[in-house]
């Protein structure tokens, strides 16, 4: 009951982007080169097998029909949202996020410092997002607060084509919490 009473006093609604305003799952849109050998797909699946990142889920979904073989990759390490790397047959392989362009997430498979494959992923907007935001903007200040790169959040906000929505990127969970507290009374929807 206390929560419902506090919602009545809210002036600001803050949305997380991924999975709240978007579908929440990435879809592989492009890759260069178009065809890669099965061993590379298997290497990527091995590097990403324990990751909860949306890119890892996208690879597993895209290649769900591929036969997975457990490779002896050593020293696998993930820096969430940035890279995952490991040593296979004496070579350092990594998946690295790079600059976002055209609202696509770019990830490269690297062998040492040589790019082998470039992937582009997209997280599609939920069909109801723009209509809901338009209705809410009549009564509330709207902000988007995301852990994604600032440029990606900016591109996403511009794509909404709605005026007066503030956006903030590279926000950690603690920064999201601080933003909500600094804009109290405020409602956060998402993570």
Protein backbone atom coordinates (compact mmCIF):
# COMPACT_ATOMS: atom_id res chain seq x y z
CA UNK A 1 0.00 0.00 0.00
CA UNK A 2 2.86 2.40 0.81
CA UNK A 3 4.33 1.89 -2.65
CA UNK A 4 1.04 2.70 -4.37
CA UNK A 5 0.70 5.90 -2.31
CA UNK A 6 4.25 6.95 -3.20
CA UNK A 7 3.65 6.32 -6.92
CA UNK A 8 0.90 8.92 -6.78
CA UNK A 9 3.55 11.53 -5.83
CA UNK A 10 6.00 10.59 -8.60
CA UNK A 11 7.06 13.30 -11.00
CA UNK A 12 9.71 11.30 -12.88
CA UNK A 13 9.70 7.84 -14.44
CA UNK A 14 13.06 6.35 -15.33
CA UNK A 15 13.33 3.44 -17.75
CA UNK A 16 16.15 1.01 -18.24
CA UNK A 17 16.56 0.46 -21.97
CA UNK A 18 17.49 -3.15 -22.65
CA UNK A 19 14.62 -5.52 -22.00
CA UNK A 20 12.33 -2.73 -20.84
CA UNK A 21 11.92 -0.42 -23.83
CA UNK A 22 13.48 -2.94 -26.21
CA UNK A 23 12.78 -6.62 -26.76
CA UNK A 24 15.72 -7.46 -24.51
CA UNK A 25 17.38 -9.95 -26.76
CA UNK A 26 19.89 -9.28 -29.47
CA UNK A 27 19.55 -10.58 -32.98
CA UNK A 28 22.50 -11.13 -35.30
CA UNK A 29 21.92 -8.80 -38.26
CA UNK A 30 25.21 -9.02 -40.19
CA UNK A 31 28.58 -10.66 -40.11
CA UNK A 32 31.69 -10.13 -42.21
CA UNK A 33 32.70 -12.44 -43.75
CA UNK A 34 29.28 -13.98 -44.35
CA UNK A 35 30.45 -17.56 -43.90
CA UNK A 36 32.78 -18.66 -41.14
CA UNK A 37 34.10 -22.14 -40.54
CA UNK A 38 32.40 -24.33 -37.94
CA UNK A 39 35.51 -24.33 -35.71
CA UNK A 40 35.18 -20.53 -35.30
CA UNK A 41 31.52 -20.84 -34.36
CA UNK A 42 32.44 -23.53 -31.85
CA UNK A 43 35.27 -21.39 -30.47
CA UNK A 44 32.86 -18.47 -29.96
CA UNK A 45 30.29 -20.73 -28.28
CA UNK A 46 33.01 -22.05 -25.95
CA UNK A 47 34.20 -18.55 -25.06
CA UNK A 48 30.62 -17.45 -24.35
CA UNK A 49 29.27 -20.65 -22.77
CA UNK A 50 29.10 -19.27 -19.20
CA UNK A 51 28.28 -15.67 -20.07
CA UNK A 52 24.91 -14.09 -19.30
CA UNK A 53 25.53 -11.15 -21.64
CA UNK A 54 22.91 -10.61 -24.39
CA UNK A 55 25.60 -11.11 -27.08
CA UNK A 56 26.35 -14.57 -25.68
CA UNK A 57 22.63 -15.43 -25.75
CA UNK A 58 22.41 -14.16 -29.34
CA UNK A 59 25.26 -16.43 -30.46
CA UNK A 60 23.70 -19.43 -28.71
CA UNK A 61 20.32 -18.69 -30.30
CA UNK A 62 21.77 -18.11 -33.78
CA UNK A 63 23.79 -21.33 -33.71
CA UNK A 64 21.48 -23.52 -31.61
CA UNK A 65 21.52 -26.25 -34.29
CA UNK A 66 25.33 -26.45 -34.37
CA UNK A 67 27.00 -29.39 -32.70
CA UNK A 68 28.79 -28.03 -29.64
CA UNK A 69 32.20 -29.52 -28.89
CA UNK A 70 33.90 -28.66 -25.64
CA UNK A 71 37.27 -27.11 -26.51
CA UNK A 72 40.19 -26.89 -24.13
CA UNK A 73 40.28 -23.09 -23.85
CA UNK A 74 42.49 -21.86 -21.05
CA UNK A 75 42.28 -18.72 -18.94
CA UNK A 76 38.82 -17.61 -20.08
CA UNK A 77 38.08 -14.18 -18.65
CA UNK A 78 35.12 -11.88 -19.23
CA UNK A 79 34.94 -8.14 -18.75
CA UNK A 80 31.14 -7.66 -18.85
CA UNK A 81 29.97 -5.52 -21.76
CA UNK A 82 33.48 -5.20 -23.17
CA UNK A 83 35.23 -8.50 -23.96
CA UNK A 84 35.76 -12.18 -23.31
CA UNK A 85 39.04 -13.87 -24.08
CA UNK A 86 40.88 -17.16 -23.69
CA UNK A 87 43.86 -19.10 -24.97
CA UNK A 88 43.24 -21.89 -27.49
CA UNK A 89 46.07 -23.94 -29.00
CA UNK A 90 48.58 -21.32 -27.84
CA UNK A 91 46.75 -18.40 -29.48
CA UNK A 92 44.85 -15.62 -27.72
CA UNK A 93 41.27 -15.35 -29.02
CA UNK A 94 38.80 -12.71 -27.90
CA UNK A 95 35.38 -11.29 -28.59
CA UNK A 96 35.54 -7.52 -28.24
CA UNK A 97 32.81 -4.91 -28.34
CA UNK A 98 33.60 -1.92 -30.52
CA UNK A 99 31.93 1.37 -31.38
CA UNK A 100 28.21 1.26 -32.03
CA UNK A 101 27.06 2.47 -35.43
CA UNK A 102 23.51 2.85 -36.72
CA UNK A 103 22.23 1.56 -33.35
CA UNK A 104 23.90 -1.81 -34.01
CA UNK A 105 26.18 -3.45 -31.48
CA UNK A 106 29.51 -4.36 -33.06
CA UNK A 107 31.53 -7.31 -31.78
CA UNK A 108 34.72 -8.66 -33.33
CA UNK A 109 36.33 -12.07 -33.04
CA UNK A 110 40.04 -11.38 -32.69
CA UNK A 111 43.07 -13.65 -32.88
CA UNK A 112 45.74 -11.74 -31.00
CA UNK A 113 45.27 -8.26 -32.55
CA UNK A 114 43.94 -9.50 -35.92
CA UNK A 115 40.19 -9.23 -36.60
CA UNK A 116 38.81 -12.50 -37.97
CA UNK A 117 35.07 -11.75 -38.03
CA UNK A 118 32.92 -8.69 -37.37
CA UNK A 119 29.38 -9.19 -36.06
CA UNK A 120 26.53 -6.66 -35.87
CA UNK A 121 23.65 -7.19 -33.45
CA UNK A 122 20.39 -5.30 -32.98
CA UNK A 123 18.00 -5.08 -30.04
CA UNK A 124 14.61 -4.22 -31.50
CA UNK A 125 12.24 -1.71 -29.96
CA UNK A 126 9.12 -3.14 -28.34
CA UNK A 127 6.13 -2.29 -30.57
CA UNK A 128 4.25 -0.56 -27.73
CA UNK A 129 7.17 1.55 -26.44
CA UNK A 130 6.55 4.83 -28.28
CA UNK A 131 2.80 4.86 -27.57
CA UNK A 132 3.28 4.20 -23.87
CA UNK A 133 6.01 6.85 -23.57
CA UNK A 134 3.79 9.43 -25.35
CA UNK A 135 0.99 8.79 -22.85
CA UNK A 136 3.29 8.94 -19.84
CA UNK A 137 4.93 12.16 -21.05
CA UNK A 138 1.62 13.96 -20.53
CA UNK A 139 2.01 13.60 -16.76
CA UNK A 140 5.62 12.68 -16.02
CA UNK A 141 9.18 13.65 -16.78
CA UNK A 142 10.75 10.67 -18.61
CA UNK A 143 14.39 9.58 -18.49
CA UNK A 144 16.28 6.63 -19.93
CA UNK A 145 19.04 5.28 -17.73
CA UNK A 146 21.14 2.50 -19.22
CA UNK A 147 24.37 0.64 -18.74
CA UNK A 148 24.93 0.76 -22.51
CA UNK A 149 27.43 3.11 -24.12
CA UNK A 150 26.32 6.76 -24.06
CA UNK A 151 26.32 7.03 -27.88
CA UNK A 152 24.13 3.96 -28.20
CA UNK A 153 21.64 5.33 -25.67
CA UNK A 154 21.67 8.69 -27.49
CA UNK A 155 21.01 7.00 -30.86
CA UNK A 156 18.20 4.97 -29.31
CA UNK A 157 16.60 8.08 -27.78
CA UNK A 158 16.82 9.98 -31.08
CA UNK A 159 15.21 7.02 -32.84
CA UNK A 160 12.20 7.35 -30.52
CA UNK A 161 11.65 10.82 -32.03
CA UNK A 162 10.09 12.11 -28.79
CA UNK A 163 11.08 15.48 -27.34
CA UNK A 164 12.07 16.11 -23.74
CA UNK A 165 13.36 12.65 -22.86
CA UNK A 166 16.66 12.81 -21.02
CA UNK A 167 19.10 9.94 -21.38
CA UNK A 168 22.13 8.68 -19.50
CA UNK A 169 24.48 5.87 -20.51
CA UNK A 170 27.33 3.91 -18.94
CA UNK A 171 25.32 3.84 -15.70
CA UNK A 172 26.27 1.22 -13.13
CA UNK A 173 23.60 -0.20 -10.80
CA UNK A 174 24.86 2.13 -8.05
CA UNK A 175 24.64 5.14 -10.36
CA UNK A 176 21.10 4.16 -11.34
CA UNK A 177 20.14 3.97 -7.68
CA UNK A 178 21.75 7.37 -6.99
CA UNK A 179 19.90 8.93 -9.94
CA UNK A 180 16.56 7.67 -8.61
CA UNK A 181 17.32 8.93 -5.11
CA UNK A 182 18.43 12.34 -6.42
CA UNK A 183 15.20 12.70 -8.41
CA UNK A 184 12.86 11.53 -5.64
CA UNK A 185 9.92 10.98 -5.86
CA UNK A 186 10.87 8.83 -8.82
CA UNK A 187 9.85 5.47 -10.25
CA UNK A 188 12.44 3.20 -11.92
CA UNK A 189 11.19 0.57 -14.34
CA UNK A 190 13.76 -2.05 -15.31
CA UNK A 191 16.88 -3.21 -13.54
